[in-house]
């Protein structure tokens, strides 16, 4: 009986030590995961800032360079052709307005947390309102989700939708835009479709906006698909695995 008691006590001590060790390992793993998440968050923020910096360099830099050329032409023709000078100054003013819009758009994009205090559906509704203000076009949108999404997925889908609408505004000349976000075949599916002038995807695949959407989708283990042709609009489809849904 004494031997059994000793054995029982030893087993109990081992169990307690094992539980303590497991708790310590769990605490360590949790801290490592937290640090990893912070590093990923910092890296994502840095990538986002770099992307926006490139966008500003390309779009704003182009607009200001073109504006400078128009003003130089205006000065050149001012003594001899006032009417032509007026045309150059008008073009320069339009370029200045375009540059200002680019800056405002970039500032809106730089917000630390676009979903702060908002659901994904509410954030998309804000994007739709902003798009309407800029273009006069009111996109139709459908959001149908039966599962809550993680912050990571929600932010990525918001940014992809934002980038898609920005590209439509800049390049498509569309008059109709549709946005769908729903579950399909155990996948989360986002689709943004327009009836604009379209383009040849094989000749236009290096834009920062398109790269950003592809990178965000790949980071979630998803699939990115773009279908477009000249004169036939563009459809962007993003599919994210069901396992990325929040529980």
Protein backbone atom coordinates (compact mmCIF):
# COMPACT_ATOMS: atom_id res chain seq x y z
CA UNK A 1 0.00 0.00 0.00
CA UNK A 2 2.86 2.33 0.86
CA UNK A 3 4.49 1.63 -2.52
CA UNK A 4 1.18 2.33 -4.30
CA UNK A 5 0.82 5.60 -2.39
CA UNK A 6 4.36 6.60 -3.35
CA UNK A 7 3.66 5.70 -6.98
CA UNK A 8 0.40 7.69 -6.91
CA UNK A 9 2.18 10.72 -5.44
CA UNK A 10 4.92 10.49 -8.05
CA UNK A 11 2.37 10.23 -10.86
CA UNK A 12 0.51 13.22 -9.46
CA UNK A 13 3.73 15.25 -9.23
CA UNK A 14 4.66 14.28 -12.78
CA UNK A 15 1.19 15.28 -13.98
CA UNK A 16 1.44 18.63 -12.23
CA UNK A 17 4.92 19.25 -13.59
CA UNK A 18 3.78 18.25 -17.07
CA UNK A 19 0.79 20.59 -16.86
CA UNK A 20 3.02 23.42 -15.68
CA UNK A 21 5.45 22.75 -18.50
CA UNK A 22 2.60 22.70 -21.03
CA UNK A 23 1.30 26.00 -19.70
CA UNK A 24 4.73 27.56 -19.96
CA UNK A 25 5.10 26.28 -23.51
CA UNK A 26 1.64 27.58 -24.38
CA UNK A 27 2.48 30.98 -22.90
CA UNK A 28 5.74 31.05 -24.84
CA UNK A 29 4.00 30.03 -28.06
CA UNK A 30 1.31 32.65 -27.51
CA UNK A 31 3.93 35.37 -27.01
CA UNK A 32 5.82 34.23 -30.10
CA UNK A 33 2.61 34.29 -32.10
CA UNK A 34 1.80 37.78 -30.80
CA UNK A 35 5.26 39.03 -31.76
CA UNK A 36 4.94 37.39 -35.16
CA UNK A 37 1.55 39.03 -35.70
CA UNK A 38 3.03 42.41 -34.79
CA UNK A 39 5.90 41.90 -37.25
CA UNK A 40 3.47 40.91 -39.98
CA UNK A 41 1.32 43.92 -39.21
CA UNK A 42 4.34 46.23 -39.35
CA UNK A 43 5.48 44.62 -42.59
CA UNK A 44 2.02 44.99 -44.13
CA UNK A 45 1.88 48.64 -43.08
CA UNK A 46 5.32 49.23 -44.60
CA UNK A 47 4.32 47.52 -47.85
CA UNK A 48 1.14 49.60 -47.95
CA UNK A 49 3.09 52.83 -47.47
CA UNK A 50 5.61 51.83 -50.13
CA UNK A 51 2.83 51.03 -52.55
CA UNK A 52 1.13 54.36 -51.93
CA UNK A 53 4.46 56.15 -52.30
CA UNK A 54 4.91 54.54 -55.72
CA UNK A 55 1.35 55.48 -56.66
CA UNK A 56 1.96 59.10 -55.66
CA UNK A 57 5.24 59.15 -57.58
CA UNK A 58 3.57 57.82 -60.73
CA UNK A 59 0.20 59.55 -60.76
CA UNK A 60 0.95 62.82 -58.97
CA UNK A 61 4.40 63.13 -60.50
CA UNK A 62 2.97 62.64 -63.99
CA UNK A 63 0.21 65.20 -63.43
CA UNK A 64 2.59 67.85 -62.08
CA UNK A 65 5.11 67.26 -64.88
CA UNK A 66 2.37 67.64 -67.49
CA UNK A 67 1.12 70.76 -65.72
CA UNK A 68 4.62 72.27 -65.81
CA UNK A 69 4.82 71.64 -69.56
CA UNK A 70 1.45 73.32 -70.11
CA UNK A 71 2.54 76.39 -68.12
CA UNK A 72 5.82 76.60 -70.04
CA UNK A 73 3.89 76.49 -73.31
CA UNK A 74 1.56 79.19 -72.02
CA UNK A 75 4.52 81.46 -71.26
CA UNK A 76 5.98 80.72 -74.69
CA UNK A 77 2.82 81.69 -76.59
CA UNK A 78 1.68 84.50 -74.30
CA UNK A 79 3.02 87.42 -76.41
CA UNK A 80 1.90 86.12 -79.80
CA UNK A 81 -1.18 83.95 -79.29
CA UNK A 82 -3.33 84.79 -76.24
CA UNK A 83 -6.01 82.27 -77.24
CA UNK A 84 -3.60 79.38 -77.38
CA UNK A 85 -2.14 80.57 -74.10
CA UNK A 86 -5.62 80.42 -72.56
CA UNK A 87 -5.91 76.77 -73.67
CA UNK A 88 -2.60 75.86 -72.06
CA UNK A 89 -3.55 77.57 -68.80
CA UNK A 90 -6.93 75.82 -68.77
CA UNK A 91 -5.22 72.45 -69.28
CA UNK A 92 -2.75 73.25 -66.49
CA UNK A 93 -5.62 74.09 -64.14
CA UNK A 94 -7.32 70.78 -64.95
CA UNK A 95 -4.08 68.92 -64.25
CA UNK A 96 -3.78 70.71 -60.92
CA UNK A 97 -7.30 69.62 -60.01
CA UNK A 98 -6.44 66.04 -60.97
CA UNK A 99 -3.28 66.13 -58.85
CA UNK A 100 -5.27 67.39 -55.86
CA UNK A 101 -7.73 64.52 -56.25
CA UNK A 102 -4.82 62.07 -56.33
CA UNK A 103 -3.42 63.49 -53.09
CA UNK A 104 -6.77 63.34 -51.34
CA UNK A 105 -7.29 59.76 -52.49
CA UNK A 106 -3.86 58.76 -51.19
CA UNK A 107 -4.51 60.43 -47.84
CA UNK A 108 -7.78 58.50 -47.48
CA UNK A 109 -5.93 55.28 -48.30
CA UNK A 110 -3.29 55.99 -45.64
CA UNK A 111 -5.78 55.75 -42.78
CA UNK A 112 -4.36 53.38 -40.15
CA UNK A 113 -7.47 51.21 -39.87
CA UNK A 114 -10.16 51.70 -42.52
CA UNK A 115 -12.50 49.31 -40.67
CA UNK A 116 -12.13 50.95 -37.25
CA UNK A 117 -15.61 50.96 -35.75
CA UNK A 118 -17.16 49.67 -39.00
CA UNK A 119 -18.29 46.35 -40.37
CA UNK A 120 -16.92 45.27 -43.74
CA UNK A 121 -20.34 45.93 -45.27
CA UNK A 122 -20.37 49.43 -43.79
CA UNK A 123 -16.85 50.12 -45.06
CA UNK A 124 -17.81 49.00 -48.57
CA UNK A 125 -20.88 51.26 -48.40
CA UNK A 126 -18.52 54.17 -47.64
CA UNK A 127 -16.36 53.23 -50.64
CA UNK A 128 -19.46 53.20 -52.82
CA UNK A 129 -20.46 56.66 -51.58
CA UNK A 130 -16.95 58.00 -52.23
CA UNK A 131 -16.97 56.51 -55.72
CA UNK A 132 -20.34 58.12 -56.43
CA UNK A 133 -19.01 61.49 -55.28
CA UNK A 134 -15.99 61.24 -57.59
CA UNK A 135 -17.71 59.84 -60.67
CA UNK A 136 -21.46 60.39 -60.42
CA UNK A 137 -21.90 56.63 -60.79
CA UNK A 138 -23.60 54.67 -58.00
CA UNK A 139 -22.26 51.09 -57.95
CA UNK A 140 -24.71 48.36 -57.00
CA UNK A 141 -23.35 46.08 -54.29
CA UNK A 142 -24.44 42.90 -52.54
CA UNK A 143 -22.84 41.61 -49.33
CA UNK A 144 -24.15 38.25 -48.14
CA UNK A 145 -22.14 36.54 -45.39
CA UNK A 146 -23.30 34.04 -42.78
CA UNK A 147 -19.93 33.96 -40.96
CA UNK A 148 -17.98 36.76 -39.31
CA UNK A 149 -14.60 37.38 -40.92
CA UNK A 150 -11.23 37.86 -39.29
CA UNK A 151 -9.77 41.37 -39.22
CA UNK A 152 -7.03 40.20 -41.60
CA UNK A 153 -9.53 39.01 -44.22
CA UNK A 154 -11.87 41.98 -43.80
CA UNK A 155 -9.05 44.49 -44.26
CA UNK A 156 -7.69 42.67 -47.32
CA UNK A 157 -11.12 42.52 -48.97
CA UNK A 158 -11.68 46.20 -48.22
CA UNK A 159 -8.35 47.15 -49.78
CA UNK A 160 -8.94 44.98 -52.85
CA UNK A 161 -12.37 46.54 -53.37
CA UNK A 162 -10.91 50.01 -52.86
CA UNK A 163 -8.14 49.38 -55.38
CA UNK A 164 -10.57 47.92 -57.93
CA UNK A 165 -12.81 51.01 -57.67
CA UNK A 166 -9.78 53.31 -57.91
CA UNK A 167 -8.68 51.59 -61.12
CA UNK A 168 -12.20 51.86 -62.54
CA UNK A 169 -12.27 55.57 -61.69
CA UNK A 170 -8.86 56.23 -63.25
CA UNK A 171 -8.93 54.08 -66.36
CA UNK A 172 -12.20 52.37 -67.27
CA UNK A 173 -14.62 55.14 -68.36
CA UNK A 174 -17.35 52.84 -67.02
CA UNK A 175 -20.99 53.84 -66.55
CA UNK A 176 -22.00 50.79 -64.52
CA UNK A 177 -20.22 49.04 -61.65
CA UNK A 178 -21.30 45.98 -59.64
CA UNK A 179 -19.80 44.57 -56.45
CA UNK A 180 -20.60 41.13 -55.01
CA UNK A 181 -19.30 39.65 -51.77
CA UNK A 182 -20.75 36.27 -50.84
CA UNK A 183 -20.05 32.63 -50.02
CA UNK A 184 -19.78 30.19 -52.90
CA UNK A 185 -18.83 26.52 -52.66
CA UNK A 186 -17.17 26.92 -49.26
CA UNK A 187 -15.19 29.87 -50.57
CA UNK A 188 -15.52 33.55 -49.90
CA UNK A 189 -16.01 35.27 -53.25
CA UNK A 190 -15.51 38.96 -54.06
CA UNK A 191 -16.35 40.15 -57.56
CA UNK A 192 -16.04 43.69 -58.97
CA UNK A 193 -17.38 44.16 -62.48
CA UNK A 194 -17.58 47.22 -64.75
CA UNK A 195 -18.76 47.96 -68.29
CA UNK A 196 -15.84 50.22 -69.18
CA UNK A 197 -13.46 50.28 -72.11
CA UNK A 198 -11.53 47.25 -70.86
CA UNK A 199 -7.95 46.38 -71.74
CA UNK A 200 -5.68 43.52 -72.75
CA UNK A 201 -4.52 41.85 -69.49
CA UNK A 202 -1.44 40.43 -71.22
CA UNK A 203 -0.23 43.97 -71.93
CA UNK A 204 -1.29 45.60 -68.66
CA UNK A 205 -0.16 43.48 -65.71
CA UNK A 206 2.49 45.63 -64.04
CA UNK A 207 0.37 48.32 -62.39
CA UNK A 208 0.87 48.73 -58.66
CA UNK A 209 -2.87 48.52 -58.05
CA UNK A 210 -3.18 45.18 -59.82
CA UNK A 211 -0.05 43.84 -58.12
CA UNK A 212 -1.40 44.90 -54.73
CA UNK A 213 -4.67 43.04 -55.26
CA UNK A 214 -2.82 39.92 -56.37
CA UNK A 215 -0.45 40.06 -53.40
CA UNK A 216 -3.26 40.51 -50.87
CA UNK A 217 -5.15 37.56 -52.34
CA UNK A 218 -2.07 35.33 -52.37
CA UNK A 219 -1.31 36.24 -48.74
CA UNK A 220 -4.69 34.74 -47.78
CA UNK A 221 -4.11 31.58 -49.80
CA UNK A 222 -6.74 32.71 -52.30
CA UNK A 223 -7.16 32.85 -56.05
CA UNK A 224 -7.15 36.05 -58.09
CA UNK A 225 -8.69 36.20 -61.54
CA UNK A 226 -9.05 39.08 -63.98
CA UNK A 227 -11.08 38.92 -67.18
CA UNK A 228 -11.05 41.86 -69.59
CA UNK A 229 -10.75 42.77 -73.23
CA UNK A 230 -10.84 46.02 -75.14
CA UNK A 231 -14.36 47.41 -75.30
CA UNK A 232 -15.83 44.73 -73.03
CA UNK A 233 -15.23 45.97 -69.50
CA UNK A 234 -13.39 44.18 -66.73
CA UNK A 235 -14.28 41.63 -64.04
CA UNK A 236 -12.06 40.99 -61.02
CA UNK A 237 -12.79 37.87 -58.95
CA UNK A 238 -11.15 36.96 -55.66
CA UNK A 239 -11.77 33.61 -53.93
CA UNK A 240 -10.56 32.95 -50.39
CA UNK A 241 -10.74 29.54 -48.68
CA UNK A 242 -13.47 28.93 -46.12
CA UNK A 243 -10.86 28.18 -43.45
CA UNK A 244 -10.03 31.87 -43.36
CA UNK A 245 -13.43 32.68 -41.90
CA UNK A 246 -13.52 33.72 -38.26
CA UNK A 247 -15.04 31.22 -35.82
